[in-house]
Amino acid sequence: MSWATLLSTSGTVSPGESQGRMGYHVSRQAKTMMTRKFTIMALIAGIVLGAAATEGFNVYRQSQNSYRQSHDSRIFQERMHCKAVADTYVKENTDINDNSVTGKSVTLEKLDYSPGRNSCIAELNTIIIAPGAAYVSYSIRDLLSGENIVSNACTKDCEFLKLNLVNTEFDYIMNNASIPLDVLKEWGETESISKKTFGSIPDAPTSQHKSTPPSRDRKP
């Protein structure tokens, strides 16, 4: 047997084969290191993006909270202003003589600030006392413009009218800057049913249903 055969069978590696195997190991280690680097970079990028997203959400939430607080504060101030205006209106329009025989009494039933109309909307109960008679009406009034938006006369049907019509009118006017004709017609029919059911006093003030003009900005 030759020395070449013995060397080959004994496991001895030739210089060329040894270099090939070393190159394979180096290439494999390089790939493993690159994979680890990419993984670490991906993790770092994920952490950075997650932190940025969290910070962005926190900024957005803070801005929303700030806006909500500012809005709530403004609405509160407007309502306080409306209350002062309503108290003045009631005081100036109530004039009952000491003997309570003649005069006019105004009671504030509901009041709120309407963002859609940028004004103070009040539901008022007005009683006009005359010798031998009393005229009662419910009205929805824009206290800043002075417009009497709707008015409903009543007699014995006042509570029915308030529950079935006036409260509905107030809620609608609070949330809408104008009143379509079909809504006015529906309100008029409801009032007619009330009068037919409970009767009315002759010569009582007639009810007024009219559409409102476009809302006017309040002057400071």
N, C-alpha and C. Protein backbone atom coordinates (compact mmCIF):
# COMPACT_ATOMS: atom_id res chain seq x y z
N MET A 1 0.86 -1.18 0.00
CA MET A 1 0.00 0.00 0.00
C MET A 1 0.90 1.24 0.00
N SER A 2 0.53 2.22 -0.82
CA SER A 2 1.37 3.42 -0.94
C SER A 2 1.11 4.37 0.20
N TRP A 3 2.11 5.30 0.37
CA TRP A 3 1.94 6.31 1.41
C TRP A 3 0.73 7.22 1.14
N ALA A 4 0.40 7.51 -0.05
CA ALA A 4 -0.78 8.36 -0.40
C ALA A 4 -2.07 7.72 0.05
N THR A 5 -2.10 6.34 -0.17
CA THR A 5 -3.31 5.62 0.24
C THR A 5 -3.45 5.62 1.73
N LEU A 6 -2.33 5.43 2.43
CA LEU A 6 -2.38 5.42 3.88
C LEU A 6 -2.80 6.77 4.44
N LEU A 7 -2.30 7.83 3.85
CA LEU A 7 -2.66 9.18 4.31
C LEU A 7 -4.13 9.48 4.10
N SER A 8 -4.62 9.01 2.95
CA SER A 8 -6.03 9.29 2.66
C SER A 8 -6.95 8.51 3.57
N THR A 9 -6.57 7.30 3.93
CA THR A 9 -7.43 6.47 4.77
C THR A 9 -7.27 6.79 6.24
N SER A 10 -6.19 7.48 6.59
CA SER A 10 -5.96 7.76 8.01
C SER A 10 -6.64 9.04 8.47
N GLY A 11 -7.33 9.78 7.58
CA GLY A 11 -8.06 10.98 7.98
C GLY A 11 -7.26 12.23 7.88
N THR A 12 -6.05 12.18 7.40
CA THR A 12 -5.23 13.37 7.27
C THR A 12 -5.76 14.23 6.15
N VAL A 13 -5.88 15.55 6.44
CA VAL A 13 -6.49 16.47 5.46
C VAL A 13 -5.39 17.19 4.74
N SER A 14 -5.55 17.32 3.48
CA SER A 14 -4.57 18.05 2.68
C SER A 14 -4.72 19.53 2.90
N PRO A 15 -3.67 20.32 2.61
CA PRO A 15 -3.74 21.78 2.83
C PRO A 15 -4.90 22.42 2.09
N GLY A 16 -5.16 22.05 0.87
CA GLY A 16 -6.27 22.67 0.11
C GLY A 16 -7.62 22.38 0.73
N GLU A 17 -7.81 21.15 1.17
CA GLU A 17 -9.09 20.76 1.78
C GLU A 17 -9.29 21.47 3.10
N SER A 18 -8.18 21.62 3.86
CA SER A 18 -8.25 22.32 5.15
C SER A 18 -8.66 23.76 4.97
N GLN A 19 -8.10 24.44 3.99
CA GLN A 19 -8.48 25.83 3.73
C GLN A 19 -9.95 25.94 3.32
N GLY A 20 -10.44 24.96 2.55
CA GLY A 20 -11.84 24.98 2.12
C GLY A 20 -12.79 24.86 3.31
N ARG A 21 -12.42 23.96 4.24
CA ARG A 21 -13.27 23.80 5.42
C ARG A 21 -13.25 25.03 6.31
N MET A 22 -12.10 25.64 6.47
CA MET A 22 -11.99 26.86 7.27
C MET A 22 -12.81 28.00 6.65
N GLY A 23 -12.75 28.08 5.31
CA GLY A 23 -13.56 29.10 4.63
C GLY A 23 -15.04 28.88 4.84
N TYR A 24 -15.48 27.65 4.86
CA TYR A 24 -16.90 27.33 5.08
C TYR A 24 -17.34 27.75 6.48
N HIS A 25 -16.46 27.45 7.49
CA HIS A 25 -16.79 27.82 8.87
C HIS A 25 -16.84 29.33 9.04
N VAL A 26 -15.88 30.04 8.42
CA VAL A 26 -15.87 31.50 8.52
C VAL A 26 -17.11 32.10 7.88
N SER A 27 -17.49 31.59 6.70
CA SER A 27 -18.68 32.09 6.00
C SER A 27 -19.95 31.86 6.83
N ARG A 28 -20.03 30.72 7.48
CA ARG A 28 -21.21 30.39 8.30
C ARG A 28 -21.29 31.29 9.52
N GLN A 29 -20.13 31.55 10.15
CA GLN A 29 -20.11 32.44 11.32
C GLN A 29 -20.51 33.87 10.93
N ALA A 30 -20.04 34.29 9.73
CA ALA A 30 -20.38 35.64 9.26
C ALA A 30 -21.89 35.76 9.04
N LYS A 31 -22.50 34.75 8.45
CA LYS A 31 -23.94 34.77 8.22
C LYS A 31 -24.70 34.81 9.55
N THR A 32 -24.22 34.04 10.52
CA THR A 32 -24.87 34.02 11.84
C THR A 32 -24.79 35.38 12.51
N MET A 33 -23.62 36.02 12.41
CA MET A 33 -23.45 37.34 13.00
C MET A 33 -24.34 38.38 12.32
N MET A 34 -24.42 38.30 10.99
CA MET A 34 -25.27 39.24 10.25
C MET A 34 -26.74 39.06 10.65
N THR A 35 -27.14 37.80 10.79
CA THR A 35 -28.53 37.53 11.19
C THR A 35 -28.82 38.12 12.56
N ARG A 36 -27.86 37.95 13.49
CA ARG A 36 -28.03 38.51 14.83
C ARG A 36 -28.10 40.03 14.80
N LYS A 37 -27.25 40.64 13.95
CA LYS A 37 -27.27 42.09 13.83
C LYS A 37 -28.62 42.60 13.33
N PHE A 38 -29.12 41.93 12.27
CA PHE A 38 -30.43 42.31 11.73
C PHE A 38 -31.54 42.17 12.78
N THR A 39 -31.45 41.09 13.57
CA THR A 39 -32.46 40.86 14.61
C THR A 39 -32.41 41.96 15.67
N ILE A 40 -31.19 42.30 16.09
CA ILE A 40 -31.03 43.35 17.10
C ILE A 40 -31.52 44.69 16.57
N MET A 41 -31.15 44.99 15.30
CA MET A 41 -31.60 46.25 14.69
C MET A 41 -33.12 46.30 14.58
N ALA A 42 -33.73 45.17 14.22
CA ALA A 42 -35.19 45.11 14.12
C ALA A 42 -35.85 45.34 15.48
N LEU A 43 -35.24 44.74 16.53
CA LEU A 43 -35.79 44.93 17.87
C LEU A 43 -35.67 46.38 18.31
N ILE A 44 -34.50 46.99 18.03
CA ILE A 44 -34.30 48.40 18.39
C ILE A 44 -35.28 49.29 17.65
N ALA A 45 -35.45 49.00 16.34
CA ALA A 45 -36.40 49.80 15.54
C ALA A 45 -37.82 49.66 16.08
N GLY A 46 -38.18 48.43 16.47
CA GLY A 46 -39.51 48.21 17.02
C GLY A 46 -39.73 48.98 18.31
N ILE A 47 -38.69 48.98 19.16
CA ILE A 47 -38.79 49.70 20.43
C ILE A 47 -38.93 51.19 20.19
N VAL A 48 -38.12 51.72 19.24
CA VAL A 48 -38.17 53.16 18.94
C VAL A 48 -39.52 53.54 18.36
N LEU A 49 -40.03 52.74 17.40
CA LEU A 49 -41.33 53.03 16.80
C LEU A 49 -42.45 52.92 17.83
N GLY A 50 -42.35 51.91 18.71
CA GLY A 50 -43.37 51.76 19.75
C GLY A 50 -43.39 52.95 20.69
N ALA A 51 -42.18 53.40 21.07
CA ALA A 51 -42.10 54.56 21.96
C ALA A 51 -42.64 55.81 21.28
N ALA A 52 -42.31 55.97 19.97
CA ALA A 52 -42.81 57.14 19.23
C ALA A 52 -44.32 57.10 19.12
N ALA A 53 -44.88 55.90 18.84
CA ALA A 53 -46.33 55.78 18.73
C ALA A 53 -47.01 56.09 20.07
N THR A 54 -46.42 55.59 21.15
CA THR A 54 -46.99 55.86 22.47
C THR A 54 -46.96 57.34 22.80
N GLU A 55 -45.83 57.97 22.49
CA GLU A 55 -45.70 59.41 22.75
C GLU A 55 -46.69 60.20 21.90
N GLY A 56 -46.83 59.79 20.64
CA GLY A 56 -47.79 60.47 19.76
C GLY A 56 -49.21 60.34 20.27
N PHE A 57 -49.56 59.14 20.75
CA PHE A 57 -50.90 58.93 21.30
C PHE A 57 -51.12 59.78 22.54
N ASN A 58 -50.08 59.85 23.40
CA ASN A 58 -50.20 60.67 24.61
C ASN A 58 -50.39 62.14 24.28
N VAL A 59 -49.66 62.63 23.27
CA VAL A 59 -49.81 64.03 22.85
C VAL A 59 -51.21 64.27 22.32
N TYR A 60 -51.70 63.32 21.49
CA TYR A 60 -53.06 63.45 20.95
C TYR A 60 -54.11 63.45 22.06
N ARG A 61 -53.94 62.53 23.00
CA ARG A 61 -54.90 62.45 24.11
C ARG A 61 -54.88 63.71 24.96
N GLN A 62 -53.68 64.25 25.20
CA GLN A 62 -53.58 65.48 25.97
C GLN A 62 -54.23 66.65 25.24
N SER A 63 -54.04 66.70 23.91
CA SER A 63 -54.65 67.77 23.14
C SER A 63 -56.17 67.66 23.16
N GLN A 64 -56.68 66.42 23.07
CA GLN A 64 -58.12 66.22 23.12
C GLN A 64 -58.68 66.60 24.49
N ASN A 65 -57.97 66.22 25.55
CA ASN A 65 -58.41 66.59 26.89
C ASN A 65 -58.40 68.10 27.08
N SER A 66 -57.36 68.73 26.55
CA SER A 66 -57.26 70.19 26.65
C SER A 66 -58.39 70.86 25.91
N TYR A 67 -58.71 70.35 24.71
CA TYR A 67 -59.81 70.92 23.93
C TYR A 67 -61.14 70.72 24.65
N ARG A 68 -61.32 69.50 25.21
CA ARG A 68 -62.58 69.21 25.90
C ARG A 68 -62.76 70.10 27.13
N GLN A 69 -61.67 70.29 27.86
CA GLN A 69 -61.74 71.15 29.04
C GLN A 69 -62.03 72.59 28.64
N SER A 70 -61.40 73.04 27.56
CA SER A 70 -61.64 74.41 27.08
C SER A 70 -63.08 74.57 26.63
N HIS A 71 -63.58 73.54 25.91
CA HIS A 71 -64.96 73.59 25.43
C HIS A 71 -65.95 73.58 26.60
N ASP A 72 -65.70 72.69 27.56
CA ASP A 72 -66.59 72.62 28.73
C ASP A 72 -66.57 73.93 29.52
N SER A 73 -65.40 74.52 29.62
CA SER A 73 -65.29 75.79 30.34
C SER A 73 -66.07 76.88 29.62
N ARG A 74 -65.99 76.89 28.30
CA ARG A 74 -66.72 77.91 27.53
C ARG A 74 -68.23 77.71 27.68
N ILE A 75 -68.69 76.47 27.59
CA ILE A 75 -70.12 76.20 27.73
C ILE A 75 -70.60 76.61 29.12
N PHE A 76 -69.79 76.33 30.13
CA PHE A 76 -70.15 76.71 31.50
C PHE A 76 -70.29 78.23 31.60
N GLN A 77 -69.35 78.96 31.03
CA GLN A 77 -69.41 80.43 31.08
C GLN A 77 -70.63 80.95 30.33
N GLU A 78 -70.94 80.33 29.20
CA GLU A 78 -72.12 80.75 28.43
C GLU A 78 -73.40 80.50 29.23
N ARG A 79 -73.46 79.38 29.91
CA ARG A 79 -74.65 79.07 30.70
C ARG A 79 -74.81 80.04 31.87
N MET A 80 -73.70 80.40 32.47
CA MET A 80 -73.76 81.38 33.55
C MET A 80 -74.27 82.72 33.03
N HIS A 81 -73.81 83.08 31.84
CA HIS A 81 -74.27 84.33 31.22
C HIS A 81 -75.77 84.25 30.91
N CYS A 82 -76.21 83.10 30.40
CA CYS A 82 -77.63 82.91 30.07
C CYS A 82 -78.49 83.04 31.33
N LYS A 83 -78.00 82.48 32.44
CA LYS A 83 -78.78 82.55 33.68
C LYS A 83 -78.96 84.00 34.12
N ALA A 84 -77.90 84.79 33.99
CA ALA A 84 -77.99 86.20 34.38
C ALA A 84 -78.97 86.94 33.48
N VAL A 85 -78.91 86.66 32.17
CA VAL A 85 -79.82 87.31 31.23
C VAL A 85 -81.27 86.90 31.50
N ALA A 86 -81.49 85.60 31.79
CA ALA A 86 -82.84 85.11 32.06
C ALA A 86 -83.42 85.73 33.34
N ASP A 87 -82.61 85.83 34.38
CA ASP A 87 -83.08 86.43 35.63
C ASP A 87 -83.50 87.89 35.40
N THR A 88 -82.73 88.60 34.59
CA THR A 88 -83.07 89.99 34.30
C THR A 88 -84.36 90.07 33.51
N TYR A 89 -84.53 89.18 32.52
CA TYR A 89 -85.74 89.19 31.70
C TYR A 89 -86.98 88.92 32.56
N VAL A 90 -86.90 87.90 33.41
CA VAL A 90 -88.06 87.56 34.26
C VAL A 90 -88.40 88.73 35.18
N LYS A 91 -87.40 89.34 35.75
CA LYS A 91 -87.64 90.45 36.67
C LYS A 91 -88.27 91.64 35.96
N GLU A 92 -87.78 91.95 34.76
CA GLU A 92 -88.29 93.10 34.02
C GLU A 92 -89.67 92.87 33.42
N ASN A 93 -90.06 91.63 33.26
CA ASN A 93 -91.35 91.33 32.62
C ASN A 93 -92.39 90.79 33.59
N THR A 94 -92.10 90.82 34.86
CA THR A 94 -93.07 90.43 35.87
C THR A 94 -93.56 91.68 36.60
N ASP A 95 -94.87 91.89 36.52
CA ASP A 95 -95.46 93.10 37.12
C ASP A 95 -96.84 92.75 37.66
N ILE A 96 -96.85 92.19 38.83
CA ILE A 96 -98.11 91.81 39.48
C ILE A 96 -98.41 92.84 40.57
N ASN A 97 -99.59 93.45 40.49
CA ASN A 97 -99.97 94.42 41.51
C ASN A 97 -100.16 93.72 42.86
N ASP A 98 -100.09 94.51 43.89
CA ASP A 98 -100.23 93.96 45.25
C ASP A 98 -101.55 93.24 45.44
N ASN A 99 -102.61 93.74 44.79
CA ASN A 99 -103.91 93.09 44.95
C ASN A 99 -104.08 91.88 44.03
N SER A 100 -103.06 91.65 43.17
CA SER A 100 -103.07 90.49 42.27
C SER A 100 -104.30 90.45 41.36
N VAL A 101 -104.88 91.59 41.09
CA VAL A 101 -106.04 91.65 40.21
C VAL A 101 -105.61 91.79 38.76
N THR A 102 -104.60 92.56 38.51
CA THR A 102 -104.08 92.72 37.16
C THR A 102 -102.56 92.63 37.19
N GLY A 103 -102.03 92.33 36.02
CA GLY A 103 -100.58 92.28 35.93
C GLY A 103 -100.10 91.12 35.06
N LYS A 104 -98.82 90.92 35.10
CA LYS A 104 -98.18 89.90 34.27
C LYS A 104 -97.10 89.20 35.09
N SER A 105 -97.09 87.89 34.97
CA SER A 105 -96.10 87.09 35.69
C SER A 105 -95.37 86.18 34.70
N VAL A 106 -94.05 86.19 34.76
CA VAL A 106 -93.23 85.34 33.88
C VAL A 106 -92.41 84.38 34.74
N THR A 107 -92.49 83.10 34.42
CA THR A 107 -91.75 82.08 35.15
C THR A 107 -90.82 81.36 34.18
N LEU A 108 -89.56 81.22 34.59
CA LEU A 108 -88.58 80.51 33.77
C LEU A 108 -88.73 79.00 34.00
N GLU A 109 -89.11 78.28 32.95
CA GLU A 109 -89.29 76.83 33.05
C GLU A 109 -88.01 76.07 32.70
N LYS A 110 -87.37 76.47 31.62
CA LYS A 110 -86.13 75.82 31.18
C LYS A 110 -85.20 76.87 30.59
N LEU A 111 -83.92 76.59 30.66
CA LEU A 111 -82.93 77.52 30.12
C LEU A 111 -81.66 76.77 29.79
N ASP A 112 -81.07 77.10 28.62
CA ASP A 112 -79.78 76.51 28.29
C ASP A 112 -79.14 77.33 27.17
N TYR A 113 -77.84 77.12 27.03
CA TYR A 113 -77.11 77.76 25.93
C TYR A 113 -77.12 76.83 24.73
N SER A 114 -77.48 77.37 23.56
CA SER A 114 -77.52 76.60 22.33
C SER A 114 -76.31 76.92 21.47
N PRO A 115 -75.36 75.99 21.33
CA PRO A 115 -74.19 76.25 20.47
C PRO A 115 -74.60 76.48 19.01
N GLY A 116 -75.64 75.75 18.54
CA GLY A 116 -76.09 75.90 17.16
C GLY A 116 -76.61 77.29 16.85
N ARG A 117 -77.27 77.90 17.82
CA ARG A 117 -77.80 79.25 17.64
C ARG A 117 -76.89 80.30 18.26
N ASN A 118 -75.90 79.86 19.00
CA ASN A 118 -75.00 80.77 19.72
C ASN A 118 -75.82 81.77 20.53
N SER A 119 -76.77 81.22 21.29
CA SER A 119 -77.65 82.11 22.05
C SER A 119 -78.25 81.37 23.24
N CYS A 120 -78.97 82.13 24.06
CA CYS A 120 -79.63 81.58 25.24
C CYS A 120 -81.09 81.30 24.90
N ILE A 121 -81.50 80.05 25.04
CA ILE A 121 -82.86 79.65 24.73
C ILE A 121 -83.61 79.38 26.03
N ALA A 122 -84.77 80.02 26.17
CA ALA A 122 -85.54 79.90 27.40
C ALA A 122 -86.96 79.43 27.10
N GLU A 123 -87.44 78.57 27.97
CA GLU A 123 -88.86 78.19 27.95
C GLU A 123 -89.54 78.97 29.07
N LEU A 124 -90.53 79.76 28.69
CA LEU A 124 -91.16 80.68 29.64
C LEU A 124 -92.64 80.40 29.78
N ASN A 125 -93.11 80.54 31.00
CA ASN A 125 -94.55 80.44 31.27
C ASN A 125 -95.02 81.85 31.65
N THR A 126 -95.90 82.37 30.84
CA THR A 126 -96.38 83.74 31.05
C THR A 126 -97.86 83.73 31.41
N ILE A 127 -98.22 84.43 32.48
CA ILE A 127 -99.61 84.54 32.91
C ILE A 127 -99.98 86.03 32.92
N ILE A 128 -100.98 86.36 32.13
CA ILE A 128 -101.49 87.73 32.12
C ILE A 128 -102.82 87.75 32.86
N ILE A 129 -102.84 88.51 33.94
CA ILE A 129 -104.05 88.56 34.78
C ILE A 129 -104.82 89.82 34.48
N ALA A 130 -106.10 89.64 34.16
CA ALA A 130 -107.00 90.76 33.89
C ALA A 130 -108.24 90.56 34.75
N PRO A 131 -109.04 91.59 34.93
CA PRO A 131 -110.25 91.44 35.75
C PRO A 131 -111.14 90.30 35.23
N GLY A 132 -111.31 89.31 36.04
CA GLY A 132 -112.20 88.20 35.69
C GLY A 132 -111.60 87.16 34.77
N ALA A 133 -110.33 87.26 34.41
CA ALA A 133 -109.74 86.29 33.48
C ALA A 133 -108.23 86.21 33.69
N ALA A 134 -107.68 85.11 33.18
CA ALA A 134 -106.23 84.93 33.21
C ALA A 134 -105.82 84.21 31.93
N TYR A 135 -104.85 84.76 31.27
CA TYR A 135 -104.37 84.18 30.02
C TYR A 135 -102.99 83.57 30.25
N VAL A 136 -102.87 82.31 29.87
CA VAL A 136 -101.63 81.58 30.12
C VAL A 136 -101.01 81.17 28.78
N SER A 137 -99.72 81.29 28.69
CA SER A 137 -99.03 80.85 27.47
C SER A 137 -97.64 80.32 27.81
N TYR A 138 -97.20 79.40 26.98
CA TYR A 138 -95.83 78.90 27.04
C TYR A 138 -95.12 79.38 25.78
N SER A 139 -93.91 79.85 25.93
CA SER A 139 -93.16 80.32 24.77
C SER A 139 -91.71 79.89 24.86
N ILE A 140 -91.11 79.76 23.68
CA ILE A 140 -89.67 79.49 23.59
C ILE A 140 -89.05 80.76 23.02
N ARG A 141 -88.13 81.34 23.77
CA ARG A 141 -87.61 82.66 23.40
C ARG A 141 -86.08 82.66 23.32
N ASP A 142 -85.58 83.37 22.31
CA ASP A 142 -84.16 83.64 22.19
C ASP A 142 -83.89 84.90 23.01
N LEU A 143 -83.27 84.73 24.15
CA LEU A 143 -83.12 85.86 25.06
C LEU A 143 -82.14 86.92 24.57
N LEU A 144 -81.19 86.54 23.73
CA LEU A 144 -80.19 87.50 23.28
C LEU A 144 -80.68 88.33 22.09
N SER A 145 -81.40 87.69 21.17
CA SER A 145 -81.92 88.44 20.03
C SER A 145 -83.28 89.06 20.34
N GLY A 146 -83.96 88.54 21.40
CA GLY A 146 -85.28 89.05 21.75
C GLY A 146 -86.39 88.41 20.93
N GLU A 147 -86.07 87.40 20.15
CA GLU A 147 -87.08 86.77 19.28
C GLU A 147 -87.91 85.76 20.05
N ASN A 148 -89.23 85.89 19.92
CA ASN A 148 -90.16 84.91 20.47
C ASN A 148 -90.34 83.82 19.41
N ILE A 149 -89.64 82.72 19.53
CA ILE A 149 -89.58 81.74 18.44
C ILE A 149 -90.92 81.04 18.25
N VAL A 150 -91.48 80.50 19.32
CA VAL A 150 -92.82 79.90 19.27
C VAL A 150 -93.57 80.28 20.54
N SER A 151 -94.89 80.34 20.41
CA SER A 151 -95.72 80.66 21.57
C SER A 151 -96.99 79.83 21.50
N ASN A 152 -97.40 79.26 22.64
CA ASN A 152 -98.57 78.39 22.70
C ASN A 152 -99.49 78.86 23.82
N ALA A 153 -100.69 79.29 23.46
CA ALA A 153 -101.67 79.69 24.48
C ALA A 153 -102.34 78.44 25.04
N CYS A 154 -102.71 78.50 26.30
CA CYS A 154 -103.39 77.37 26.91
C CYS A 154 -104.33 77.84 28.01
N THR A 155 -105.23 76.94 28.40
CA THR A 155 -106.17 77.25 29.49
C THR A 155 -106.11 76.08 30.48
N LYS A 156 -107.09 75.22 30.39
CA LYS A 156 -107.09 74.05 31.28
C LYS A 156 -106.13 72.97 30.80
N ASP A 157 -105.63 73.13 29.57
CA ASP A 157 -104.79 72.10 28.98
C ASP A 157 -103.30 72.40 29.14
N CYS A 158 -102.94 73.28 30.02
CA CYS A 158 -101.55 73.73 30.09
C CYS A 158 -100.55 72.61 30.37
N GLU A 159 -100.86 71.74 31.31
CA GLU A 159 -99.93 70.66 31.64
C GLU A 159 -99.80 69.69 30.47
N PHE A 160 -100.93 69.39 29.83
CA PHE A 160 -100.91 68.51 28.66
C PHE A 160 -100.07 69.14 27.55
N LEU A 161 -100.28 70.43 27.33
CA LEU A 161 -99.55 71.14 26.28
C LEU A 161 -98.05 71.16 26.57
N LYS A 162 -97.70 71.38 27.81
CA LYS A 162 -96.28 71.42 28.18
C LYS A 162 -95.61 70.07 27.95
N LEU A 163 -96.26 69.00 28.38
CA LEU A 163 -95.66 67.67 28.27
C LEU A 163 -95.61 67.17 26.84
N ASN A 164 -96.62 67.50 26.04
CA ASN A 164 -96.74 66.93 24.70
C ASN A 164 -96.28 67.84 23.57
N LEU A 165 -96.03 69.10 23.87
CA LEU A 165 -95.62 70.01 22.80
C LEU A 165 -94.46 70.92 23.20
N VAL A 166 -94.63 71.66 24.29
CA VAL A 166 -93.65 72.69 24.63
C VAL A 166 -92.27 72.10 24.88
N ASN A 167 -92.21 71.00 25.61
CA ASN A 167 -90.91 70.36 25.88
C ASN A 167 -90.24 69.90 24.59
N THR A 168 -91.06 69.39 23.65
CA THR A 168 -90.53 68.96 22.35
C THR A 168 -90.01 70.15 21.57
N GLU A 169 -90.75 71.25 21.60
CA GLU A 169 -90.31 72.46 20.91
C GLU A 169 -88.97 72.95 21.46
N PHE A 170 -88.87 72.97 22.76
CA PHE A 170 -87.64 73.45 23.39
C PHE A 170 -86.44 72.61 22.97
N ASP A 171 -86.58 71.29 23.04
CA ASP A 171 -85.47 70.40 22.69
C ASP A 171 -85.08 70.57 21.22
N TYR A 172 -86.07 70.71 20.36
CA TYR A 172 -85.78 70.85 18.93
C TYR A 172 -85.07 72.17 18.65
N ILE A 173 -85.57 73.25 19.21
CA ILE A 173 -84.99 74.56 18.98
C ILE A 173 -83.58 74.64 19.55
N MET A 174 -83.34 73.98 20.67
CA MET A 174 -82.00 73.97 21.26
C MET A 174 -80.96 73.38 20.30
N ASN A 175 -81.37 72.40 19.51
CA ASN A 175 -80.42 71.66 18.68
C ASN A 175 -80.49 72.00 17.19
N ASN A 176 -81.35 72.95 16.82
CA ASN A 176 -81.50 73.30 15.41
C ASN A 176 -81.60 74.81 15.25
N ALA A 177 -80.89 75.33 14.24
CA ALA A 177 -80.86 76.77 14.03
C ALA A 177 -82.11 77.28 13.31
N SER A 178 -82.86 76.39 12.68
CA SER A 178 -84.09 76.79 12.00
C SER A 178 -85.13 75.68 12.13
N ILE A 179 -86.38 76.03 11.82
CA ILE A 179 -87.47 75.06 11.97
C ILE A 179 -88.15 74.85 10.61
N PRO A 180 -88.09 73.66 10.05
CA PRO A 180 -88.76 73.39 8.77
C PRO A 180 -90.28 73.55 8.89
N LEU A 181 -90.93 73.83 7.77
CA LEU A 181 -92.38 74.05 7.77
C LEU A 181 -93.14 72.81 8.21
N ASP A 182 -92.64 71.61 7.85
CA ASP A 182 -93.37 70.40 8.23
C ASP A 182 -93.35 70.20 9.75
N VAL A 183 -92.26 70.63 10.40
CA VAL A 183 -92.19 70.54 11.87
C VAL A 183 -93.16 71.54 12.49
N LEU A 184 -93.22 72.77 11.94
CA LEU A 184 -94.17 73.77 12.44
C LEU A 184 -95.60 73.28 12.28
N LYS A 185 -95.86 72.63 11.16
CA LYS A 185 -97.22 72.11 10.91
C LYS A 185 -97.57 71.05 11.95
N GLU A 186 -96.61 70.18 12.24
CA GLU A 186 -96.85 69.12 13.24
C GLU A 186 -97.13 69.72 14.61
N TRP A 187 -96.37 70.76 14.97
CA TRP A 187 -96.60 71.41 16.26
C TRP A 187 -97.98 72.07 16.30
N GLY A 188 -98.37 72.70 15.20
CA GLY A 188 -99.68 73.34 15.15
C GLY A 188 -100.81 72.34 15.30
N GLU A 189 -100.65 71.17 14.70
CA GLU A 189 -101.68 70.12 14.81
C GLU A 189 -101.78 69.61 16.25
N THR A 190 -100.64 69.47 16.91
CA THR A 190 -100.65 69.03 18.30
C THR A 190 -101.37 70.04 19.19
N GLU A 191 -101.13 71.33 18.94
CA GLU A 191 -101.80 72.36 19.72
C GLU A 191 -103.30 72.37 19.45
N SER A 192 -103.69 72.14 18.19
CA SER A 192 -105.11 72.10 17.85
C SER A 192 -105.82 70.96 18.56
N ILE A 193 -105.16 69.81 18.62
CA ILE A 193 -105.73 68.66 19.33
C ILE A 193 -105.93 69.00 20.80
N SER A 194 -104.95 69.69 21.38
CA SER A 194 -105.04 70.07 22.78
C SER A 194 -106.24 70.99 23.01
N LYS A 195 -106.42 71.97 22.14
CA LYS A 195 -107.53 72.91 22.31
C LYS A 195 -108.89 72.23 22.12
N LYS A 196 -108.95 71.31 21.17
CA LYS A 196 -110.21 70.60 20.94
C LYS A 196 -110.55 69.69 22.12
N THR A 197 -109.51 69.14 22.73
CA THR A 197 -109.74 68.22 23.84
C THR A 197 -110.14 68.94 25.12
N PHE A 198 -109.48 70.07 25.41
CA PHE A 198 -109.68 70.75 26.68
C PHE A 198 -110.45 72.06 26.55
N GLY A 199 -110.66 72.52 25.33
CA GLY A 199 -111.36 73.79 25.16
C GLY A 199 -110.41 74.95 25.34
N SER A 200 -110.88 76.16 25.04
CA SER A 200 -110.05 77.35 25.18
C SER A 200 -110.89 78.53 25.61
N ILE A 201 -110.25 79.54 26.19
CA ILE A 201 -110.95 80.73 26.63
C ILE A 201 -111.11 81.68 25.46
N PRO A 202 -112.32 82.21 25.20
CA PRO A 202 -112.50 83.16 24.11
C PRO A 202 -111.57 84.36 24.29
N ASP A 203 -111.11 84.87 23.16
CA ASP A 203 -110.25 86.05 23.13
C ASP A 203 -108.88 85.82 23.79
N ALA A 204 -108.50 84.56 24.02
CA ALA A 204 -107.17 84.28 24.55
C ALA A 204 -106.13 84.57 23.47
N PRO A 205 -104.95 84.97 23.83
CA PRO A 205 -103.93 85.26 22.83
C PRO A 205 -103.68 84.07 21.93
N THR A 206 -103.62 84.29 20.63
CA THR A 206 -103.44 83.21 19.69
C THR A 206 -101.99 82.73 19.71
N SER A 207 -101.83 81.45 19.42
CA SER A 207 -100.49 80.88 19.41
C SER A 207 -99.76 81.29 18.14
N GLN A 208 -98.47 81.34 18.23
CA GLN A 208 -97.67 81.73 17.08
C GLN A 208 -96.61 80.68 16.84
N HIS A 209 -96.61 80.14 15.63
CA HIS A 209 -95.56 79.23 15.21
C HIS A 209 -94.96 79.79 13.94
N LYS A 210 -93.71 80.11 13.99
CA LYS A 210 -93.04 80.66 12.82
C LYS A 210 -91.62 80.12 12.75
N SER A 211 -91.14 80.00 11.54
CA SER A 211 -89.76 79.54 11.38
C SER A 211 -88.82 80.66 11.76
N THR A 212 -87.70 80.27 12.29
CA THR A 212 -86.74 81.26 12.75
C THR A 212 -85.79 81.65 11.64
N PRO A 213 -85.36 82.87 11.59
CA PRO A 213 -84.35 83.28 10.61
C PRO A 213 -83.02 82.67 10.97
N PRO A 214 -82.06 82.71 10.04
CA PRO A 214 -80.74 82.17 10.37
C PRO A 214 -80.19 82.78 11.64
N SER A 215 -79.50 81.95 12.43
CA SER A 215 -79.00 82.41 13.73
C SER A 215 -78.01 83.55 13.53
N ARG A 216 -78.06 84.51 14.42
CA ARG A 216 -77.17 85.65 14.38
C ARG A 216 -76.13 85.52 15.46
N ASP A 217 -74.92 85.83 15.11
CA ASP A 217 -73.84 85.77 16.13
C ASP A 217 -74.09 86.82 17.16
N ARG A 218 -73.86 86.46 18.40
CA ARG A 218 -74.06 87.38 19.48
C ARG A 218 -72.91 88.37 19.54
N LYS A 219 -73.24 89.60 19.72
CA LYS A 219 -72.21 90.60 19.87
C LYS A 219 -71.77 90.66 21.32
N PRO A 220 -70.47 90.77 21.53
CA PRO A 220 -69.99 90.81 22.93
C PRO A 220 -70.43 92.06 23.64
